[in-house]
Every structure is written in structure tokens, then in C-alpha cells.
Amino acid sequence: MPPPPPTPGGLGGPPGWYPDPGTPSHERWWDGRAWTGHIRTAGAPQPPAAGPAVTAPVPLAGGSGHGGGVGKGAVVALVTAGAVLVAAIATGVVVLGEDDERTAPRSAGAAVSAQPTATGNGPEPGPSAADDSDVLVDQLNGISLPLLDGWEKSTSGVDPVPTMVTADSYKCPGDSAESCRHGTVSSRTATVTNVKSPERLAGQDVGVAADWAYDNDRVGNRIHGGIKGHELVKSAPVTVAGRTGHVVRWRVTTGAGPGGYVQSLVFPSAVGSESLVIVRFAFDAGPDAPPLADMDRIIRGIRPLTDASGGAGSTVEP
């Protein structure tokens, strides 16, 4: 099975849905270096678009607010500016890449993508944590994250990546008409295929995570009064699900409210061609926020999915 045609993202294209060379009526997930076993019907519905690209950074948020804040927004803005456009010549279908996260002014310039929602008729996983109410499952990256007490899976229809939030919401300090969450954690596949170092990518992504959580919401409102500054709290190697990764944590101060902590965790996936996985954390700094120790608890609880048949994300040889 040949790789997909070259795209603006580079030879072979970044991770995304491409027309399946062997089955034109379907699309197959390309993880940046190899085909995976995950397929879906061509032209399957995409997550709701975010509308025209905006110039302000967009926060990671759910429909009811998040640990950094949600407000009117969504967890991930699906902007067209960095979308990957692929022509499906065999079927006449055009697929629009699901997002291209905007580099934050304080970041080193990383752009990472929201992971496509697993749809279609791909291989069914074997015994796994997929149906466990105590975990958040990221099927494409082959991992599960523990759902701690006081947390729940995001049910927002605009979340294109696996996301969990603290159960209680509150009025955002910078805009009392909106709702925020004290904590948010989400998992996604990195599309920066030229960055191979987890340490480097985590250092780049944490600025993006900060802006999405505590700067502008999806429509430009500063529900935390905007970010006024940050300081590096932690940068260290870490073992995640048996893989060596890196974590970077910032303490963020905001124009309104107590501010918070943002963290980017990056490590190689245990499936497919081991593309880098990014897990973002946003915890408020106030007394009602989850303890910072929960960031470490979640990292320690990340597990690879059990799938004897290979399942989503497993590499398919050409």
C-alpha cells in the first residue's frame, strides 16, 4: 500500500484521513509515517467547523467551560487556516483537515493538531478499557487516562479530541456570563512531524496550551482577563505507559481570578509508527481547583489499550 500523495505538510503528508489506495470508497488514517488499521467511510461527517480563522489564540474548552475556561467556546477550534486539504481523485471527495492549532505568542512556534474523531467501520478493539467508566480512552493513540474522583468525560459535541473536565463549573472571573471549569485534560496526536524530541515539542506546546486555557476564548472574550505572565515550574523527563517522554509545566497569572497551571506532556505512542502524543493539562490555582498532584496521578495512570488484534493505530505494512 503506497503512502498518500505529497501535501503542503511534507512528503507523505502529516497525520490525517486520506483516501484508502486499496478501497476508494473508504478513508484510512495516516499517522505521518505509516498507514494504520483505522478506516472509515469516505466523506464521513467532520466535527462542527469553527468558522473563519481568527487572529487571536483560541482556548481549549468544552461547551460548559474548562479549567482554564470554556465560555462560549469549544475545546478545540477547527480553523481552516492550517487545515490539510487532500483531493480524493478516485471518488471526487475533498477532505478538510480538522485543525491547525495557532502558535501562541509565548510559545516557541509549535503547531499541533486535534485528533480526528474515530468514526466509520475500522477494526473493533479487543478487550480494553474502552468501555470503562473510570477512564478516558484515546483510541487513535492507543492509550487510556484515569478519570479521577470529581472528573467527568466531556460530552461537548464540538470536542474533536478525548477530553475530561472537573465536574463542577463556575462563573468565569473575567466574564461572569460565561462558565468555566477548574480543570481540563485532553489527548491528541501531534502533527509536527519534523519535531522528534518530546522535550522540544513539550516546550513549544505549553505556550499554546496556556493561551487556549487562559487567554482568549473561541470568540475573542478574555474570560480570565487575559494572560499577564508566566513562569516555568517544571521541565523533566517522564515515563508514560512504558515510553520515555517529557513534561513542561507553567504557572500562569491572569488579569482576573487566580490564574492557573498549564502542562504539556509529550511521549511516543505505543502503537503504529510511534507518532508523538500530546496530553494537555489546565488546572486553576484557586482553592476549589484540583490539587497539582493530580497531574502526576493522571500521568502515572496512563495505560496502553489492550488489543490483541492490533486495532486502531496499528501499522499496516505496504
C-alpha atoms as a PDB file:
ATOM      1  CA  MET A   1       0.000   0.000   0.000  1.00  0.00           C
ATOM      2  CA  PRO A   2       1.712   3.251  -1.111  1.00  0.00           C
ATOM      3  CA  PRO A   3       1.853   6.406   1.012  1.00  0.00           C
ATOM      4  CA  PRO A   4      -0.603   9.217   0.240  1.00  0.00           C
ATOM      5  CA  PRO A   5       0.473  11.860  -2.300  1.00  0.00           C
ATOM      6  CA  PRO A   6       2.700  14.742  -1.141  1.00  0.00           C
ATOM      7  CA  THR A   7       0.823  17.588   0.539  1.00  0.00           C
ATOM      8  CA  PRO A   8       1.771  21.041   1.858  1.00  0.00           C
ATOM      9  CA  GLY A   9       2.607  19.294   5.149  1.00  0.00           C
ATOM     10  CA  GLY A  10       5.519  17.442   3.570  1.00  0.00           C
ATOM     11  CA  LEU A  11       6.249  14.209   1.757  1.00  0.00           C
ATOM     12  CA  GLY A  12       3.571  11.686   2.537  1.00  0.00           C
ATOM     13  CA  GLY A  13       1.538  14.264   4.461  1.00  0.00           C
ATOM     14  CA  PRO A  14       1.011  14.815   8.199  1.00  0.00           C
ATOM     15  CA  PRO A  15      -1.321  12.559  10.229  1.00  0.00           C
ATOM     16  CA  GLY A  16      -4.868  12.636   8.888  1.00  0.00           C
ATOM     17  CA  TRP A  17      -7.609  10.875   6.945  1.00  0.00           C
ATOM     18  CA  TYR A  18      -6.628  10.035   3.346  1.00  0.00           C
ATOM     19  CA  PRO A  19      -8.368   8.081   0.559  1.00  0.00           C
ATOM     20  CA  ASP A  20      -7.556   4.402   1.062  1.00  0.00           C
ATOM     21  CA  PRO A  21      -5.489   3.351  -2.007  1.00  0.00           C
ATOM     22  CA  GLY A  22      -6.898  -0.147  -1.781  1.00  0.00           C
ATOM     23  CA  THR A  23     -10.535   0.784  -1.156  1.00  0.00           C
ATOM     24  CA  PRO A  24     -11.536   4.097  -2.821  1.00  0.00           C
ATOM     25  CA  SER A  25     -14.873   4.183  -1.013  1.00  0.00           C
ATOM     26  CA  HIS A  26     -13.084   4.468   2.351  1.00  0.00           C
ATOM     27  CA  GLU A  27     -10.528   6.700   4.050  1.00  0.00           C
ATOM     28  CA  ARG A  28      -7.634   5.383   6.122  1.00  0.00           C
ATOM     29  CA  TRP A  29      -5.756   7.107   8.985  1.00  0.00           C
ATOM     30  CA  TRP A  30      -2.160   8.013   8.050  1.00  0.00           C
ATOM     31  CA  ASP A  31      -0.114   8.722  11.239  1.00  0.00           C
ATOM     32  CA  GLY A  32       2.578  10.752   9.490  1.00  0.00           C
ATOM     33  CA  ARG A  33       4.862   7.844   8.623  1.00  0.00           C
ATOM     34  CA  ALA A  34       2.723   4.751   8.091  1.00  0.00           C
ATOM     35  CA  TRP A  35      -0.840   3.632   7.346  1.00  0.00           C
ATOM     36  CA  THR A  36      -2.779   2.440  10.399  1.00  0.00           C
ATOM     37  CA  GLY A  37      -5.576  -0.104  10.623  1.00  0.00           C
ATOM     38  CA  HIS A  38      -8.187   2.575  11.296  1.00  0.00           C
ATOM     39  CA  ILE A  39     -10.593   3.222   8.402  1.00  0.00           C
ATOM     40  CA  ARG A  40     -13.927   4.959   7.857  1.00  0.00           C
ATOM     41  CA  THR A  41     -16.386   5.609   5.046  1.00  0.00           C
ATOM     42  CA  ALA A  42     -15.202   8.327   2.655  1.00  0.00           C
ATOM     43  CA  GLY A  43     -16.796  11.685   3.312  1.00  0.00           C
ATOM     44  CA  ALA A  44     -17.772  10.802   6.900  1.00  0.00           C
ATOM     45  CA  PRO A  45     -19.088  13.848   8.806  1.00  0.00           C
ATOM     46  CA  GLN A  46     -16.397  16.044  10.380  1.00  0.00           C
ATOM     47  CA  PRO A  47     -16.695  17.759  13.768  1.00  0.00           C
ATOM     48  CA  PRO A  48     -18.514  21.126  13.540  1.00  0.00           C
ATOM     49  CA  ALA A  49     -16.327  23.787  11.946  1.00  0.00           C
ATOM     50  CA  ALA A  50     -15.309  26.808  13.989  1.00  0.00           C
ATOM     51  CA  GLY A  51     -15.991  29.248  11.185  1.00  0.00           C
ATOM     52  CA  PRO A  52     -13.489  31.728   9.756  1.00  0.00           C
ATOM     53  CA  ALA A  53      -9.999  31.710  11.222  1.00  0.00           C
ATOM     54  CA  VAL A  54      -9.436  34.344  13.907  1.00  0.00           C
ATOM     55  CA  THR A  55      -6.268  36.192  14.747  1.00  0.00           C
ATOM     56  CA  ALA A  56      -6.500  35.685  18.486  1.00  0.00           C
ATOM     57  CA  PRO A  57      -5.313  32.411  20.081  1.00  0.00           C
ATOM     58  CA  VAL A  58      -8.196  30.043  20.760  1.00  0.00           C
ATOM     59  CA  PRO A  59      -8.606  28.255  24.123  1.00  0.00           C
ATOM     60  CA  LEU A  60      -9.082  24.548  24.624  1.00  0.00           C
ATOM     61  CA  ALA A  61     -12.507  24.395  26.122  1.00  0.00           C
ATOM     62  CA  GLY A  62     -15.732  22.451  26.327  1.00  0.00           C
ATOM     63  CA  GLY A  63     -19.191  23.810  25.769  1.00  0.00           C
ATOM     64  CA  SER A  64     -19.669  24.413  29.523  1.00  0.00           C
ATOM     65  CA  GLY A  65     -16.331  25.964  30.350  1.00  0.00           C
ATOM     66  CA  HIS A  66     -12.996  24.478  31.418  1.00  0.00           C
ATOM     67  CA  GLY A  67     -10.006  24.652  33.693  1.00  0.00           C
ATOM     68  CA  GLY A  68      -8.840  27.494  32.160  1.00  0.00           C
ATOM     69  CA  GLY A  69     -12.155  28.347  30.843  1.00  0.00           C
ATOM     70  CA  VAL A  70     -14.596  27.492  28.230  1.00  0.00           C
ATOM     71  CA  GLY A  71     -17.320  30.041  27.877  1.00  0.00           C
ATOM     72  CA  LYS A  72     -18.984  30.281  24.524  1.00  0.00           C
ATOM     73  CA  GLY A  73     -16.257  28.280  23.091  1.00  0.00           C
ATOM     74  CA  ALA A  74     -15.322  24.796  22.431  1.00  0.00           C
ATOM     75  CA  VAL A  75     -12.496  22.611  23.424  1.00  0.00           C
ATOM     76  CA  VAL A  76     -10.755  22.944  20.129  1.00  0.00           C
ATOM     77  CA  ALA A  77     -11.268  25.471  17.344  1.00  0.00           C
ATOM     78  CA  LEU A  78     -11.254  23.799  13.992  1.00  0.00           C
ATOM     79  CA  VAL A  79      -9.676  26.556  11.958  1.00  0.00           C
ATOM     80  CA  THR A  80      -9.330  26.429   8.230  1.00  0.00           C
ATOM     81  CA  ALA A  81      -6.044  28.368   8.081  1.00  0.00           C
ATOM     82  CA  GLY A  82      -3.880  25.350   8.854  1.00  0.00           C
ATOM     83  CA  ALA A  83      -6.123  22.628   7.507  1.00  0.00           C
ATOM     84  CA  VAL A  84      -4.653  19.923   5.323  1.00  0.00           C
ATOM     85  CA  LEU A  85      -6.521  19.704   2.013  1.00  0.00           C
ATOM     86  CA  VAL A  86      -6.411  16.351   0.246  1.00  0.00           C
ATOM     87  CA  ALA A  87      -8.070  15.644  -3.121  1.00  0.00           C
ATOM     88  CA  ALA A  88      -9.660  12.224  -3.310  1.00  0.00           C
ATOM     89  CA  ILE A  89      -9.350  11.848  -7.069  1.00  0.00           C
ATOM     90  CA  ALA A  90     -10.820   8.361  -7.231  1.00  0.00           C
ATOM     91  CA  THR A  91     -14.075   9.408  -5.561  1.00  0.00           C
ATOM     92  CA  GLY A  92     -14.202  13.150  -6.124  1.00  0.00           C
ATOM     93  CA  VAL A  93     -14.322  13.716  -2.350  1.00  0.00           C
ATOM     94  CA  VAL A  94     -12.419  16.595  -0.755  1.00  0.00           C
ATOM     95  CA  VAL A  95     -11.317  16.140   2.871  1.00  0.00           C
ATOM     96  CA  LEU A  96     -10.608  19.157   5.036  1.00  0.00           C
ATOM     97  CA  GLY A  97      -8.000  18.690   7.804  1.00  0.00           C
ATOM     98  CA  GLU A  98      -9.603  19.059  11.200  1.00  0.00           C
ATOM     99  CA  ASP A  99      -7.445  21.812  12.686  1.00  0.00           C
ATOM    100  CA  ASP A 100      -4.147  23.612  12.860  1.00  0.00           C
ATOM    101  CA  GLU A 101      -3.535  24.994  16.314  1.00  0.00           C
ATOM    102  CA  ARG A 102      -2.298  28.528  16.352  1.00  0.00           C
ATOM    103  CA  THR A 103       1.136  29.192  17.816  1.00  0.00           C
ATOM    104  CA  ALA A 104       0.907  31.253  20.984  1.00  0.00           C
ATOM    105  CA  PRO A 105       2.948  34.455  21.297  1.00  0.00           C
ATOM    106  CA  ARG A 106       4.729  32.943  24.274  1.00  0.00           C
ATOM    107  CA  SER A 107       5.385  29.608  22.628  1.00  0.00           C
ATOM    108  CA  ALA A 108       8.337  28.527  20.533  1.00  0.00           C
ATOM    109  CA  GLY A 109       6.148  28.008  17.483  1.00  0.00           C
ATOM    110  CA  ALA A 110       4.633  24.550  17.714  1.00  0.00           C
ATOM    111  CA  ALA A 111       1.513  23.687  15.793  1.00  0.00           C
ATOM    112  CA  VAL A 112      -0.303  20.578  16.878  1.00  0.00           C
ATOM    113  CA  SER A 113      -3.479  19.100  15.661  1.00  0.00           C
ATOM    114  CA  ALA A 114      -6.676  17.950  17.175  1.00  0.00           C
ATOM    115  CA  GLN A 115      -7.083  14.265  16.677  1.00  0.00           C
ATOM    116  CA  PRO A 116      -9.911  13.201  14.334  1.00  0.00           C
ATOM    117  CA  THR A 117     -12.884  11.552  15.911  1.00  0.00           C
ATOM    118  CA  ALA A 118     -12.801   7.793  15.363  1.00  0.00           C
ATOM    119  CA  THR A 119     -15.709   7.002  13.078  1.00  0.00           C
ATOM    120  CA  GLY A 120     -16.528   4.577  10.343  1.00  0.00           C
ATOM    121  CA  ASN A 121     -16.097   0.849  10.279  1.00  0.00           C
ATOM    122  CA  GLY A 122     -12.486   0.398  11.366  1.00  0.00           C
ATOM    123  CA  PRO A 123     -11.286  -2.694  13.249  1.00  0.00           C
ATOM    124  CA  GLU A 124     -13.024  -3.272  16.556  1.00  0.00           C
ATOM    125  CA  PRO A 125     -10.622  -3.259  19.517  1.00  0.00           C
ATOM    126  CA  GLY A 126     -10.127  -6.364  21.597  1.00  0.00           C
ATOM    127  CA  PRO A 127     -10.540  -6.421  25.393  1.00  0.00           C
ATOM    128  CA  SER A 128      -9.603  -2.944  26.544  1.00  0.00           C
ATOM    129  CA  ALA A 129     -10.514  -0.027  28.758  1.00  0.00           C
ATOM    130  CA  ALA A 130     -12.718   1.459  26.031  1.00  0.00           C
ATOM    131  CA  ASP A 131     -15.966   0.804  27.890  1.00  0.00           C
ATOM    132  CA  ASP A 132     -14.616   1.528  31.376  1.00  0.00           C
ATOM    133  CA  SER A 133     -16.378   4.460  33.016  1.00  0.00           C
ATOM    134  CA  ASP A 134     -13.268   5.106  35.111  1.00  0.00           C
ATOM    135  CA  VAL A 135     -11.022   6.008  32.161  1.00  0.00           C
ATOM    136  CA  LEU A 136     -10.877   8.384  29.213  1.00  0.00           C
ATOM    137  CA  VAL A 137      -9.947   6.469  26.055  1.00  0.00           C
ATOM    138  CA  ASP A 138      -7.860   7.785  23.167  1.00  0.00           C
ATOM    139  CA  GLN A 139      -8.344   5.049  20.589  1.00  0.00           C
ATOM    140  CA  LEU A 140      -6.167   6.509  17.829  1.00  0.00           C
ATOM    141  CA  ASN A 141      -3.164   6.820  20.119  1.00  0.00           C
ATOM    142  CA  GLY A 142      -3.866   3.531  21.898  1.00  0.00           C
ATOM    143  CA  ILE A 143      -3.998   4.869  25.466  1.00  0.00           C
ATOM    144  CA  SER A 144      -6.414   5.424  28.337  1.00  0.00           C
ATOM    145  CA  LEU A 145      -6.238   8.123  31.016  1.00  0.00           C
ATOM    146  CA  PRO A 146      -7.621   7.620  34.540  1.00  0.00           C
ATOM    147  CA  LEU A 147     -10.796   9.518  35.376  1.00  0.00           C
ATOM    148  CA  LEU A 148     -10.199  10.703  38.946  1.00  0.00           C
ATOM    149  CA  ASP A 149     -12.892  11.464  41.517  1.00  0.00           C
ATOM    150  CA  GLY A 150     -14.568  14.762  40.732  1.00  0.00           C
ATOM    151  CA  TRP A 151     -13.843  14.486  36.997  1.00  0.00           C
ATOM    152  CA  GLU A 152     -16.079  13.553  34.094  1.00  0.00           C
ATOM    153  CA  LYS A 153     -15.737  12.921  30.363  1.00  0.00           C
ATOM    154  CA  SER A 154     -16.584  15.945  28.246  1.00  0.00           C
ATOM    155  CA  THR A 155     -19.879  15.499  26.441  1.00  0.00           C
ATOM    156  CA  SER A 156     -19.481  18.566  24.245  1.00  0.00           C
ATOM    157  CA  GLY A 157     -20.357  17.827  20.644  1.00  0.00           C
ATOM    158  CA  VAL A 158     -17.558  20.100  19.432  1.00  0.00           C
ATOM    159  CA  ASP A 159     -14.736  18.228  21.169  1.00  0.00           C
ATOM    160  CA  PRO A 160     -12.736  16.519  18.414  1.00  0.00           C
ATOM    161  CA  VAL A 161     -10.210  15.086  20.900  1.00  0.00           C
ATOM    162  CA  PRO A 162     -10.724  12.939  24.026  1.00  0.00           C
ATOM    163  CA  THR A 163     -11.272  15.413  26.869  1.00  0.00           C
ATOM    164  CA  MET A 164     -12.152  15.247  30.552  1.00  0.00           C
ATOM    165  CA  VAL A 165     -13.131  18.122  32.840  1.00  0.00           C
ATOM    166  CA  THR A 166     -13.824  18.707  36.522  1.00  0.00           C
ATOM    167  CA  ALA A 167     -17.485  18.114  37.247  1.00  0.00           C
ATOM    168  CA  ASP A 168     -18.258  21.490  38.828  1.00  0.00           C
ATOM    169  CA  SER A 169     -18.423  24.698  36.806  1.00  0.00           C
ATOM    170  CA  TYR A 170     -18.327  28.318  37.963  1.00  0.00           C
ATOM    171  CA  LYS A 171     -18.763  31.836  36.582  1.00  0.00           C
ATOM    172  CA  CYS A 172     -15.631  32.884  34.725  1.00  0.00           C
ATOM    173  CA  PRO A 173     -13.761  35.622  36.651  1.00  0.00           C
ATOM    174  CA  GLY A 174     -13.302  37.789  33.557  1.00  0.00           C
ATOM    175  CA  ASP A 175     -16.846  37.319  32.224  1.00  0.00           C
ATOM    176  CA  SER A 176     -19.491  36.258  34.722  1.00  0.00           C
ATOM    177  CA  ALA A 177     -21.921  35.483  31.892  1.00  0.00           C
ATOM    178  CA  GLU A 178     -19.760  32.508  30.909  1.00  0.00           C
ATOM    179  CA  SER A 179     -18.980  29.233  32.669  1.00  0.00           C
ATOM    180  CA  CYS A 180     -15.514  27.849  33.387  1.00  0.00           C
ATOM    181  CA  ARG A 181     -14.132  24.583  34.746  1.00  0.00           C
ATOM    182  CA  HIS A 182     -11.435  24.238  37.382  1.00  0.00           C
ATOM    183  CA  GLY A 183      -9.597  21.571  35.406  1.00  0.00           C
ATOM    184  CA  THR A 184      -9.294  20.195  31.865  1.00  0.00           C
ATOM    185  CA  VAL A 185      -7.191  17.364  30.394  1.00  0.00           C
ATOM    186  CA  SER A 186      -7.143  16.333  26.730  1.00  0.00           C
ATOM    187  CA  SER A 187      -5.175  13.990  24.473  1.00  0.00           C
ATOM    188  CA  ARG A 188      -4.220  14.455  20.816  1.00  0.00           C
ATOM    189  CA  THR A 189      -1.784  13.352  18.081  1.00  0.00           C
ATOM    190  CA  ALA A 190       0.990  15.819  17.189  1.00  0.00           C
ATOM    191  CA  THR A 191       1.166  16.788  13.527  1.00  0.00           C
ATOM    192  CA  VAL A 192       4.551  18.487  13.751  1.00  0.00           C
ATOM    193  CA  THR A 193       6.302  15.623  12.010  1.00  0.00           C
ATOM    194  CA  ASN A 194       9.656  17.402  11.862  1.00  0.00           C
ATOM    195  CA  VAL A 195       9.912  17.627  15.655  1.00  0.00           C
ATOM    196  CA  LYS A 196      11.008  14.252  17.010  1.00  0.00           C
ATOM    197  CA  SER A 197      12.059  15.292  20.526  1.00  0.00           C
ATOM    198  CA  PRO A 198       9.359  15.066  23.239  1.00  0.00           C
ATOM    199  CA  GLU A 199      11.274  17.657  25.281  1.00  0.00           C
ATOM    200  CA  ARG A 200      11.370  20.156  22.442  1.00  0.00           C
ATOM    201  CA  LEU A 201       7.734  19.674  21.461  1.00  0.00           C
ATOM    202  CA  ALA A 202       6.518  19.929  25.081  1.00  0.00           C
ATOM    203  CA  GLY A 203       8.441  23.202  25.452  1.00  0.00           C
ATOM    204  CA  GLN A 204       6.777  24.556  22.318  1.00  0.00           C
ATOM    205  CA  ASP A 205       3.278  23.314  23.044  1.00  0.00           C
ATOM    206  CA  VAL A 206       2.935  24.596  26.614  1.00  0.00           C
ATOM    207  CA  GLY A 207       2.578  28.182  25.356  1.00  0.00           C
ATOM    208  CA  VAL A 208      -0.245  27.120  23.057  1.00  0.00           C
ATOM    209  CA  ALA A 209      -1.896  25.249  25.943  1.00  0.00           C
ATOM    210  CA  ALA A 210      -1.664  28.384  28.102  1.00  0.00           C
ATOM    211  CA  ASP A 211      -3.343  30.604  25.540  1.00  0.00           C
ATOM    212  CA  TRP A 212      -6.105  28.113  24.847  1.00  0.00           C
ATOM    213  CA  ALA A 213      -6.844  27.757  28.549  1.00  0.00           C
ATOM    214  CA  TYR A 214      -6.398  31.255  29.985  1.00  0.00           C
ATOM    215  CA  ASP A 215      -6.167  33.891  27.250  1.00  0.00           C
ATOM    216  CA  ASN A 216      -8.895  34.361  24.618  1.00  0.00           C
ATOM    217  CA  ASP A 217     -11.891  32.116  24.297  1.00  0.00           C
ATOM    218  CA  ARG A 218     -13.138  30.987  20.893  1.00  0.00           C
ATOM    219  CA  VAL A 219     -14.900  34.251  20.087  1.00  0.00           C
ATOM    220  CA  GLY A 220     -12.184  36.507  21.487  1.00  0.00           C
ATOM    221  CA  ASN A 221     -13.506  37.078  25.020  1.00  0.00           C
ATOM    222  CA  ARG A 222     -10.912  37.124  27.779  1.00  0.00           C
ATOM    223  CA  ILE A 223     -12.858  35.096  30.317  1.00  0.00           C
ATOM    224  CA  HIS A 224      -9.861  35.189  32.696  1.00  0.00           C
ATOM    225  CA  GLY A 225      -8.882  38.748  31.866  1.00  0.00           C
ATOM    226  CA  GLY A 226      -6.083  37.574  29.592  1.00  0.00           C
ATOM    227  CA  ILE A 227      -2.641  36.205  30.452  1.00  0.00           C
ATOM    228  CA  LYS A 228      -0.361  38.712  32.194  1.00  0.00           C
ATOM    229  CA  GLY A 229       2.686  36.499  32.634  1.00  0.00           C
ATOM    230  CA  HIS A 230       4.018  33.014  33.295  1.00  0.00           C
ATOM    231  CA  GLU A 231       6.866  31.209  34.997  1.00  0.00           C
ATOM    232  CA  LEU A 232       8.391  27.807  34.349  1.00  0.00           C
ATOM    233  CA  VAL A 233       7.563  25.446  37.200  1.00  0.00           C
ATOM    234  CA  LYS A 234       8.740  22.112  35.852  1.00  0.00           C
ATOM    235  CA  SER A 235      10.566  20.586  32.894  1.00  0.00           C
ATOM    236  CA  ALA A 236      11.531  16.950  33.281  1.00  0.00           C
ATOM    237  CA  PRO A 237      11.676  13.566  31.555  1.00  0.00           C
ATOM    238  CA  VAL A 238       8.920  11.148  32.494  1.00  0.00           C
ATOM    239  CA  THR A 239       7.921   7.571  31.726  1.00  0.00           C
ATOM    240  CA  VAL A 240       4.403   7.222  30.346  1.00  0.00           C
ATOM    241  CA  ALA A 241       2.837   3.835  29.582  1.00  0.00           C
ATOM    242  CA  GLY A 242       6.325   2.389  29.274  1.00  0.00           C
ATOM    243  CA  ARG A 243       7.508   5.138  26.902  1.00  0.00           C
ATOM    244  CA  THR A 244      10.037   7.896  27.637  1.00  0.00           C
ATOM    245  CA  GLY A 245       8.521  11.345  27.306  1.00  0.00           C
ATOM    246  CA  HIS A 246       8.834  14.853  28.703  1.00  0.00           C
ATOM    247  CA  VAL A 247       6.602  17.222  30.660  1.00  0.00           C
ATOM    248  CA  VAL A 248       6.699  21.046  30.886  1.00  0.00           C
ATOM    249  CA  ARG A 249       4.566  22.994  33.382  1.00  0.00           C
ATOM    250  CA  TRP A 250       3.889  26.736  33.643  1.00  0.00           C
ATOM    251  CA  ARG A 251       2.295  28.855  36.368  1.00  0.00           C
ATOM    252  CA  VAL A 252       0.133  31.433  34.583  1.00  0.00           C
ATOM    253  CA  THR A 253      -1.051  34.758  36.037  1.00  0.00           C
ATOM    254  CA  THR A 254      -4.202  36.321  34.612  1.00  0.00           C
ATOM    255  CA  GLY A 255      -5.919  39.700  34.598  1.00  0.00           C
ATOM    256  CA  ALA A 256      -8.860  38.323  36.577  1.00  0.00           C
ATOM    257  CA  GLY A 257      -9.081  35.439  39.002  1.00  0.00           C
ATOM    258  CA  PRO A 258      -6.294  33.304  40.488  1.00  0.00           C
ATOM    259  CA  GLY A 259      -4.767  32.170  37.189  1.00  0.00           C
ATOM    260  CA  GLY A 260      -3.656  28.587  36.970  1.00  0.00           C
ATOM    261  CA  TYR A 261      -1.202  25.928  35.874  1.00  0.00           C
ATOM    262  CA  VAL A 262      -0.838  24.542  32.360  1.00  0.00           C
ATOM    263  CA  GLN A 263       1.169  21.499  31.406  1.00  0.00           C
ATOM    264  CA  SER A 264       2.104  19.761  28.159  1.00  0.00           C
ATOM    265  CA  LEU A 265       3.080  16.103  28.281  1.00  0.00           C
ATOM    266  CA  VAL A 266       4.617  14.578  25.141  1.00  0.00           C
ATOM    267  CA  PHE A 267       5.574  10.932  24.586  1.00  0.00           C
ATOM    268  CA  PRO A 268       5.693   8.400  21.721  1.00  0.00           C
ATOM    269  CA  SER A 269       2.593   6.359  21.072  1.00  0.00           C
ATOM    270  CA  ALA A 270       2.970   2.641  21.718  1.00  0.00           C
ATOM    271  CA  VAL A 271       1.072   1.841  18.504  1.00  0.00           C
ATOM    272  CA  GLY A 272       1.694   2.264  14.794  1.00  0.00           C
ATOM    273  CA  SER A 273       4.884   4.132  13.926  1.00  0.00           C
ATOM    274  CA  GLU A 274       5.071   5.708  17.394  1.00  0.00           C
ATOM    275  CA  SER A 275       3.918   9.216  16.496  1.00  0.00           C
ATOM    276  CA  LEU A 276       4.185  11.714  19.339  1.00  0.00           C
ATOM    277  CA  VAL A 277       1.165  12.120  21.618  1.00  0.00           C
ATOM    278  CA  ILE A 278       0.376  15.380  23.430  1.00  0.00           C
ATOM    279  CA  VAL A 279      -1.649  15.432  26.652  1.00  0.00           C
ATOM    280  CA  ARG A 280      -2.577  18.941  27.809  1.00  0.00           C
ATOM    281  CA  PHE A 281      -3.486  19.907  31.367  1.00  0.00           C
ATOM    282  CA  ALA A 282      -5.071  23.151  32.652  1.00  0.00           C
ATOM    283  CA  PHE A 283      -5.701  23.471  36.417  1.00  0.00           C
ATOM    284  CA  ASP A 284      -6.915  26.645  38.117  1.00  0.00           C
ATOM    285  CA  ALA A 285      -4.823  27.957  41.019  1.00  0.00           C
ATOM    286  CA  GLY A 286      -7.767  28.761  43.311  1.00  0.00           C
ATOM    287  CA  PRO A 287      -8.846  26.865  46.446  1.00  0.00           C
ATOM    288  CA  ASP A 288     -11.565  24.935  44.606  1.00  0.00           C
ATOM    289  CA  ALA A 289      -9.199  23.666  41.907  1.00  0.00           C
ATOM    290  CA  PRO A 290      -7.909  20.083  41.806  1.00  0.00           C
ATOM    291  CA  PRO A 291      -4.531  19.582  43.535  1.00  0.00           C
ATOM    292  CA  LEU A 292      -1.440  19.788  41.344  1.00  0.00           C
ATOM    293  CA  ALA A 293      -0.574  16.276  42.497  1.00  0.00           C
ATOM    294  CA  ASP A 294      -3.460  15.075  40.313  1.00  0.00           C
ATOM    295  CA  MET A 295      -1.424  16.000  37.225  1.00  0.00           C
ATOM    296  CA  ASP A 296       1.163  13.444  38.284  1.00  0.00           C
ATOM    297  CA  ARG A 297      -1.509  10.917  39.264  1.00  0.00           C
ATOM    298  CA  ILE A 298      -3.044  11.133  35.807  1.00  0.00           C
ATOM    299  CA  ILE A 299       0.354  10.691  34.135  1.00  0.00           C
ATOM    300  CA  ARG A 300       1.103   7.613  36.265  1.00  0.00           C
ATOM    301  CA  GLY A 301      -2.306   6.185  35.393  1.00  0.00           C
ATOM    302  CA  ILE A 302      -1.961   6.421  31.588  1.00  0.00           C
ATOM    303  CA  ARG A 303      -2.072   2.895  30.156  1.00  0.00           C
ATOM    304  CA  PRO A 304      -1.779   1.355  26.672  1.00  0.00           C
ATOM    305  CA  LEU A 305      -5.021  -0.183  25.412  1.00  0.00           C
ATOM    306  CA  THR A 306      -5.148  -3.957  25.261  1.00  0.00           C
ATOM    307  CA  ASP A 307      -5.896  -5.005  21.711  1.00  0.00           C
ATOM    308  CA  ALA A 308      -4.661  -8.405  20.616  1.00  0.00           C
ATOM    309  CA  SER A 309      -5.779  -7.819  17.033  1.00  0.00           C
ATOM    310  CA  GLY A 310      -3.847  -4.620  16.540  1.00  0.00           C
ATOM    311  CA  GLY A 311      -6.842  -2.305  16.298  1.00  0.00           C
ATOM    312  CA  ALA A 312      -6.841   1.418  15.600  1.00  0.00           C
ATOM    313  CA  GLY A 313      -3.354   2.801  15.242  1.00  0.00           C
ATOM    314  CA  SER A 314      -1.592  -0.449  14.428  1.00  0.00           C
ATOM    315  CA  THR A 315       0.649  -0.218  11.405  1.00  0.00           C
ATOM    316  CA  VAL A 316      -0.418  -1.846   8.159  1.00  0.00           C
ATOM    317  CA  GLU A 317       2.538  -2.977   6.069  1.00  0.00           C
ATOM    318  CA  PRO A 318       2.614  -1.766   2.418  1.00  0.00           C
END
